[in-house]
Amino acid sequence: QSVVKIAKRILESTQQPWVIGEQEIKVTSSIGASIYPKDGTSIRQLMKAADNALYEVKAAGRDSIMIYS
């Protein structure tokens, strides 16, 4: 649950538009996460799982969060 809460806070903070001069800039974020030890016990396994989750977020339309499953 805490991973989802943190990811949501990050996502919400990046959704606020930035104003530079007279330009308004909107940034989108996609977050893929994995959880130790369920999704892997090595950094390599955890990064691969998080990368797979990130790929799914981007395929589904971006600007969201996906926890590896």
PDB file of N, CA and C in Angstrom:
ATOM      1  N   GLN A   1       0.818  -1.203   0.000  1.00  0.00           N
ATOM      2  CA  GLN A   1       0.000   0.000   0.000  1.00  0.00           C
ATOM      3  C   GLN A   1       0.854   1.257   0.000  1.00  0.00           C
ATOM      4  N   SER A   2       1.982   1.229   0.741  1.00  0.00           N
ATOM      5  CA  SER A   2       2.813   2.430   0.815  1.00  0.00           C
ATOM      6  C   SER A   2       3.471   2.735  -0.532  1.00  0.00           C
ATOM      7  N   VAL A   3       3.792   1.708  -1.314  1.00  0.00           N
ATOM      8  CA  VAL A   3       4.369   1.931  -2.645  1.00  0.00           C
ATOM      9  C   VAL A   3       3.367   2.676  -3.521  1.00  0.00           C
ATOM     10  N   VAL A   4       2.134   2.276  -3.469  1.00  0.00           N
ATOM     11  CA  VAL A   4       1.092   2.927  -4.270  1.00  0.00           C
ATOM     12  C   VAL A   4       0.904   4.370  -3.808  1.00  0.00           C
ATOM     13  N   LYS A   5       0.892   4.605  -2.506  1.00  0.00           N
ATOM     14  CA  LYS A   5       0.724   5.966  -1.984  1.00  0.00           C
ATOM     15  C   LYS A   5       1.853   6.873  -2.449  1.00  0.00           C
ATOM     16  N   ILE A   6       3.080   6.373  -2.367  1.00  0.00           N
ATOM     17  CA  ILE A   6       4.236   7.174  -2.789  1.00  0.00           C
ATOM     18  C   ILE A   6       4.178   7.437  -4.288  1.00  0.00           C
ATOM     19  N   ALA A   7       3.877   6.416  -5.064  1.00  0.00           N
ATOM     20  CA  ALA A   7       3.793   6.575  -6.516  1.00  0.00           C
ATOM     21  C   ALA A   7       2.697   7.580  -6.890  1.00  0.00           C
ATOM     22  N   LYS A   8       1.562   7.527  -6.201  1.00  0.00           N
ATOM     23  CA  LYS A   8       0.480   8.487  -6.474  1.00  0.00           C
ATOM     24  C   LYS A   8       0.915   9.908  -6.164  1.00  0.00           C
ATOM     25  N   ARG A   9       1.656  10.094  -5.069  1.00  0.00           N
ATOM     26  CA  ARG A   9       2.137  11.439  -4.719  1.00  0.00           C
ATOM     27  C   ARG A   9       3.091  11.970  -5.782  1.00  0.00           C
ATOM     28  N   ILE A  10       3.965  11.098  -6.273  1.00  0.00           N
ATOM     29  CA  ILE A  10       4.897  11.507  -7.330  1.00  0.00           C
ATOM     30  C   ILE A  10       4.119  11.875  -8.591  1.00  0.00           C
ATOM     31  N   LEU A  11       3.184  11.033  -8.965  1.00  0.00           N
ATOM     32  CA  LEU A  11       2.382  11.273 -10.168  1.00  0.00           C
ATOM     33  C   LEU A  11       1.604  12.579 -10.048  1.00  0.00           C
ATOM     34  N   GLU A  12       0.974  12.812  -8.907  1.00  0.00           N
ATOM     35  CA  GLU A  12       0.208  14.047  -8.707  1.00  0.00           C
ATOM     36  C   GLU A  12       1.105  15.279  -8.775  1.00  0.00           C
ATOM     37  N   SER A  13       2.309  15.180  -8.230  1.00  0.00           N
ATOM     38  CA  SER A  13       3.202  16.346  -8.243  1.00  0.00           C
ATOM     39  C   SER A  13       3.680  16.677  -9.653  1.00  0.00           C
ATOM     40  N   THR A  14       3.791  15.679 -10.508  1.00  0.00           N
ATOM     41  CA  THR A  14       4.229  15.956 -11.880  1.00  0.00           C
ATOM     42  C   THR A  14       3.076  16.415 -12.768  1.00  0.00           C
ATOM     43  N   GLN A  15       1.845  16.242 -12.322  1.00  0.00           N
ATOM     44  CA  GLN A  15       0.690  16.640 -13.139  1.00  0.00           C
ATOM     45  C   GLN A  15       0.388  18.130 -13.033  1.00  0.00           C
ATOM     46  N   GLN A  16       1.019  18.822 -12.092  1.00  0.00           N
ATOM     47  CA  GLN A  16       0.810  20.255 -11.969  1.00  0.00           C
ATOM     48  C   GLN A  16       1.540  20.952 -13.116  1.00  0.00           C
ATOM     49  N   PRO A  17       0.854  21.829 -13.850  1.00  0.00           N
ATOM     50  CA  PRO A  17       1.528  22.514 -14.970  1.00  0.00           C
ATOM     51  C   PRO A  17       2.615  23.465 -14.462  1.00  0.00           C
ATOM     52  N   TRP A  18       3.660  23.615 -15.246  1.00  0.00           N
ATOM     53  CA  TRP A  18       4.730  24.556 -14.946  1.00  0.00           C
ATOM     54  C   TRP A  18       4.541  25.761 -15.841  1.00  0.00           C
ATOM     55  N   VAL A  19       4.740  26.921 -15.303  1.00  0.00           N
ATOM     56  CA  VAL A  19       4.645  28.135 -16.104  1.00  0.00           C
ATOM     57  C   VAL A  19       6.043  28.740 -16.196  1.00  0.00           C
ATOM     58  N   ILE A  20       6.515  28.850 -17.408  1.00  0.00           N
ATOM     59  CA  ILE A  20       7.829  29.442 -17.669  1.00  0.00           C
ATOM     60  C   ILE A  20       7.597  30.606 -18.616  1.00  0.00           C
ATOM     61  N   GLY A  21       7.803  31.798 -18.101  1.00  0.00           N
ATOM     62  CA  GLY A  21       7.468  32.988 -18.884  1.00  0.00           C
ATOM     63  C   GLY A  21       5.972  33.006 -19.099  1.00  0.00           C
ATOM     64  N   GLU A  22       5.573  32.999 -20.345  1.00  0.00           N
ATOM     65  CA  GLU A  22       4.149  32.953 -20.670  1.00  0.00           C
ATOM     66  C   GLU A  22       3.722  31.580 -21.170  1.00  0.00           C
ATOM     67  N   GLN A  23       4.622  30.620 -21.122  1.00  0.00           N
ATOM     68  CA  GLN A  23       4.342  29.256 -21.575  1.00  0.00           C
ATOM     69  C   GLN A  23       3.884  28.389 -20.408  1.00  0.00           C
ATOM     70  N   GLU A  24       2.825  27.643 -20.617  1.00  0.00           N
ATOM     71  CA  GLU A  24       2.411  26.635 -19.653  1.00  0.00           C
ATOM     72  C   GLU A  24       2.846  25.276 -20.183  1.00  0.00           C
ATOM     73  N   ILE A  25       3.585  24.556 -19.365  1.00  0.00           N
ATOM     74  CA  ILE A  25       4.118  23.253 -19.771  1.00  0.00           C
ATOM     75  C   ILE A  25       3.527  22.174 -18.892  1.00  0.00           C
ATOM     76  N   LYS A  26       2.990  21.137 -19.523  1.00  0.00           N
ATOM     77  CA  LYS A  26       2.436  19.999 -18.784  1.00  0.00           C
ATOM     78  C   LYS A  26       3.329  18.792 -19.018  1.00  0.00           C
ATOM     79  N   VAL A  27       3.705  18.154 -17.936  1.00  0.00           N
ATOM     80  CA  VAL A  27       4.558  16.973 -17.975  1.00  0.00           C
ATOM     81  C   VAL A  27       3.710  15.768 -17.593  1.00  0.00           C
ATOM     82  N   THR A  28       3.880  14.671 -18.310  1.00  0.00           N
ATOM     83  CA  THR A  28       3.212  13.435 -17.916  1.00  0.00           C
ATOM     84  C   THR A  28       4.261  12.462 -17.396  1.00  0.00           C
ATOM     85  N   SER A  29       3.833  11.584 -16.513  1.00  0.00           N
ATOM     86  CA  SER A  29       4.738  10.599 -15.924  1.00  0.00           C
ATOM     87  C   SER A  29       4.116   9.222 -16.001  1.00  0.00           C
ATOM     88  N   SER A  30       4.962   8.255 -16.162  1.00  0.00           N
ATOM     89  CA  SER A  30       4.548   6.857 -16.119  1.00  0.00           C
ATOM     90  C   SER A  30       5.439   6.168 -15.095  1.00  0.00           C
ATOM     91  N   ILE A  31       4.831   5.438 -14.172  1.00  0.00           N
ATOM     92  CA  ILE A  31       5.589   4.799 -13.100  1.00  0.00           C
ATOM     93  C   ILE A  31       5.337   3.298 -13.127  1.00  0.00           C
ATOM     94  N   GLY A  32       6.418   2.546 -13.213  1.00  0.00           N
ATOM     95  CA  GLY A  32       6.365   1.093 -13.087  1.00  0.00           C
ATOM     96  C   GLY A  32       7.111   0.702 -11.826  1.00  0.00           C
ATOM     97  N   ALA A  33       6.541  -0.161 -11.019  1.00  0.00           N
ATOM     98  CA  ALA A  33       7.172  -0.533  -9.746  1.00  0.00           C
ATOM     99  C   ALA A  33       7.138  -2.037  -9.550  1.00  0.00           C
ATOM    100  N   SER A  34       8.084  -2.505  -8.783  1.00  0.00           N
ATOM    101  CA  SER A  34       8.114  -3.907  -8.362  1.00  0.00           C
ATOM    102  C   SER A  34       8.357  -3.936  -6.861  1.00  0.00           C
ATOM    103  N   ILE A  35       8.032  -5.045  -6.237  1.00  0.00           N
ATOM    104  CA  ILE A  35       8.108  -5.136  -4.772  1.00  0.00           C
ATOM    105  C   ILE A  35       8.987  -6.322  -4.365  1.00  0.00           C
ATOM    106  N   TYR A  36       9.931  -6.034  -3.500  1.00  0.00           N
ATOM    107  CA  TYR A  36      10.829  -7.050  -2.950  1.00  0.00           C
ATOM    108  C   TYR A  36      10.137  -7.758  -1.797  1.00  0.00           C
ATOM    109  N   PRO A  37      10.237  -9.039  -1.622  1.00  0.00           N
ATOM    110  CA  PRO A  37      10.868 -10.056  -2.448  1.00  0.00           C
ATOM    111  C   PRO A  37       9.891 -10.736  -3.402  1.00  0.00           C
ATOM    112  N   LYS A  38       8.630 -10.287  -3.390  1.00  0.00           N
ATOM    113  CA  LYS A  38       7.607 -10.936  -4.212  1.00  0.00           C
ATOM    114  C   LYS A  38       7.973 -10.946  -5.699  1.00  0.00           C
ATOM    115  N   ASP A  39       8.509  -9.843  -6.189  1.00  0.00           N
ATOM    116  CA  ASP A  39       8.788  -9.717  -7.625  1.00  0.00           C
ATOM    117  C   ASP A  39      10.244 -10.014  -7.986  1.00  0.00           C
ATOM    118  N   GLY A  40      11.064 -10.290  -6.996  1.00  0.00           N
ATOM    119  CA  GLY A  40      12.461 -10.619  -7.244  1.00  0.00           C
ATOM    120  C   GLY A  40      13.295 -10.382  -6.008  1.00  0.00           C
ATOM    121  N   THR A  41      14.422 -11.057  -5.947  1.00  0.00           N
ATOM    122  CA  THR A  41      15.303 -10.904  -4.791  1.00  0.00           C
ATOM    123  C   THR A  41      16.614 -10.210  -5.152  1.00  0.00           C
ATOM    124  N   SER A  42      16.845  -9.974  -6.429  1.00  0.00           N
ATOM    125  CA  SER A  42      18.043  -9.246  -6.842  1.00  0.00           C
ATOM    126  C   SER A  42      17.627  -7.931  -7.490  1.00  0.00           C
ATOM    127  N   ILE A  43      18.548  -7.007  -7.535  1.00  0.00           N
ATOM    128  CA  ILE A  43      18.261  -5.727  -8.186  1.00  0.00           C
ATOM    129  C   ILE A  43      17.896  -5.951  -9.647  1.00  0.00           C
ATOM    130  N   ARG A  44      18.596  -6.866 -10.290  1.00  0.00           N
ATOM    131  CA  ARG A  44      18.328  -7.173 -11.703  1.00  0.00           C
ATOM    132  C   ARG A  44      16.887  -7.647 -11.901  1.00  0.00           C
ATOM    133  N   GLN A  45      16.429  -8.567 -11.053  1.00  0.00           N
ATOM    134  CA  GLN A  45      15.055  -9.085 -11.159  1.00  0.00           C
ATOM    135  C   GLN A  45      14.035  -7.990 -10.879  1.00  0.00           C
ATOM    136  N   LEU A  46      14.287  -7.182  -9.854  1.00  0.00           N
ATOM    137  CA  LEU A  46      13.350  -6.112  -9.497  1.00  0.00           C
ATOM    138  C   LEU A  46      13.279  -5.050 -10.595  1.00  0.00           C
ATOM    139  N   MET A  47      14.423  -4.697 -11.181  1.00  0.00           N
ATOM    140  CA  MET A  47      14.434  -3.708 -12.263  1.00  0.00           C
ATOM    141  C   MET A  47      13.725  -4.240 -13.499  1.00  0.00           C
ATOM    142  N   LYS A  48      13.914  -5.508 -13.799  1.00  0.00           N
ATOM    143  CA  LYS A  48      13.234  -6.106 -14.952  1.00  0.00           C
ATOM    144  C   LYS A  48      11.713  -6.097 -14.743  1.00  0.00           C
ATOM    145  N   ALA A  49      11.273  -6.445 -13.533  1.00  0.00           N
ATOM    146  CA  ALA A  49       9.842  -6.448 -13.234  1.00  0.00           C
ATOM    147  C   ALA A  49       9.270  -5.024 -13.311  1.00  0.00           C
ATOM    148  N   ALA A  50       9.988  -4.058 -12.758  1.00  0.00           N
ATOM    149  CA  ALA A  50       9.530  -2.663 -12.807  1.00  0.00           C
ATOM    150  C   ALA A  50       9.488  -2.160 -14.248  1.00  0.00           C
ATOM    151  N   ASP A  51      10.472  -2.544 -15.050  1.00  0.00           N
ATOM    152  CA  ASP A  51      10.495  -2.151 -16.453  1.00  0.00           C
ATOM    153  C   ASP A  51       9.305  -2.748 -17.210  1.00  0.00           C
ATOM    154  N   ASN A  52       8.972  -3.998 -16.920  1.00  0.00           N
ATOM    155  CA  ASN A  52       7.790  -4.624 -17.544  1.00  0.00           C
ATOM    156  C   ASN A  52       6.518  -3.881 -17.158  1.00  0.00           C
ATOM    157  N   ALA A  53       6.408  -3.486 -15.890  1.00  0.00           N
ATOM    158  CA  ALA A  53       5.240  -2.722 -15.433  1.00  0.00           C
ATOM    159  C   ALA A  53       5.186  -1.371 -16.138  1.00  0.00           C
ATOM    160  N   LEU A  54       6.346  -0.727 -16.299  1.00  0.00           N
ATOM    161  CA  LEU A  54       6.404   0.561 -16.985  1.00  0.00           C
ATOM    162  C   LEU A  54       5.966   0.428 -18.436  1.00  0.00           C
ATOM    163  N   TYR A  55       6.385  -0.630 -19.098  1.00  0.00           N
ATOM    164  CA  TYR A  55       5.975  -0.892 -20.479  1.00  0.00           C
ATOM    165  C   TYR A  55       4.450  -1.000 -20.566  1.00  0.00           C
ATOM    166  N   GLU A  56       3.838  -1.692 -19.609  1.00  0.00           N
ATOM    167  CA  GLU A  56       2.376  -1.843 -19.591  1.00  0.00           C
ATOM    168  C   GLU A  56       1.679  -0.495 -19.392  1.00  0.00           C
ATOM    169  N   VAL A  57       2.227   0.349 -18.523  1.00  0.00           N
ATOM    170  CA  VAL A  57       1.643   1.686 -18.310  1.00  0.00           C
ATOM    171  C   VAL A  57       1.668   2.476 -19.615  1.00  0.00           C
ATOM    172  N   LYS A  58       2.800   2.453 -20.280  1.00  0.00           N
ATOM    173  CA  LYS A  58       2.926   3.212 -21.526  1.00  0.00           C
ATOM    174  C   LYS A  58       2.002   2.663 -22.606  1.00  0.00           C
ATOM    175  N   ALA A  59       1.845   1.358 -22.667  1.00  0.00           N
ATOM    176  CA  ALA A  59       0.953   0.744 -23.654  1.00  0.00           C
ATOM    177  C   ALA A  59      -0.508   1.081 -23.367  1.00  0.00           C
ATOM    178  N   ALA A  60      -0.833   1.315 -22.095  1.00  0.00           N
ATOM    179  CA  ALA A  60      -2.216   1.604 -21.706  1.00  0.00           C
ATOM    180  C   ALA A  60      -2.564   3.090 -21.807  1.00  0.00           C
ATOM    181  N   GLY A  61      -1.604   3.921 -22.179  1.00  0.00           N
ATOM    182  CA  GLY A  61      -1.931   5.326 -22.375  1.00  0.00           C
ATOM    183  C   GLY A  61      -1.098   6.300 -21.573  1.00  0.00           C
ATOM    184  N   ARG A  62      -0.180   5.837 -20.770  1.00  0.00           N
ATOM    185  CA  ARG A  62       0.744   6.686 -20.014  1.00  0.00           C
ATOM    186  C   ARG A  62       0.068   7.466 -18.903  1.00  0.00           C
ATOM    187  N   ASP A  63       0.877   8.267 -18.213  1.00  0.00           N
ATOM    188  CA  ASP A  63       0.430   9.138 -17.118  1.00  0.00           C
ATOM    189  C   ASP A  63      -0.314   8.355 -16.039  1.00  0.00           C
ATOM    190  N   SER A  64       0.268   7.229 -15.624  1.00  0.00           N
ATOM    191  CA  SER A  64      -0.365   6.373 -14.640  1.00  0.00           C
ATOM    192  C   SER A  64       0.683   5.554 -13.890  1.00  0.00           C
ATOM    193  N   ILE A  65       0.209   4.645 -13.065  1.00  0.00           N
ATOM    194  CA  ILE A  65       1.052   3.788 -12.227  1.00  0.00           C
ATOM    195  C   ILE A  65       0.691   2.339 -12.487  1.00  0.00           C
ATOM    196  N   MET A  66       1.715   1.480 -12.532  1.00  0.00           N
ATOM    197  CA  MET A  66       1.471   0.042 -12.647  1.00  0.00           C
ATOM    198  C   MET A  66       2.452  -0.658 -11.709  1.00  0.00           C
ATOM    199  N   ILE A  67       1.911  -1.518 -10.856  1.00  0.00           N
ATOM    200  CA  ILE A  67       2.738  -2.372 -10.003  1.00  0.00           C
ATOM    201  C   ILE A  67       2.837  -3.718 -10.710  1.00  0.00           C
ATOM    202  N   TYR A  68       4.049  -4.258 -10.816  1.00  0.00           N
ATOM    203  CA  TYR A  68       4.274  -5.523 -11.500  1.00  0.00           C
ATOM    204  C   TYR A  68       3.431  -6.635 -10.887  1.00  0.00           C
ATOM    205  N   SER A  69       2.831  -7.461 -11.737  1.00  0.00           N
ATOM    206  CA  SER A  69       2.115  -8.654 -11.250  1.00  0.00           C
ATOM    207  C   SER A  69       2.289  -9.776 -12.250  1.00  0.00           C
TER     208      SER A  69
END
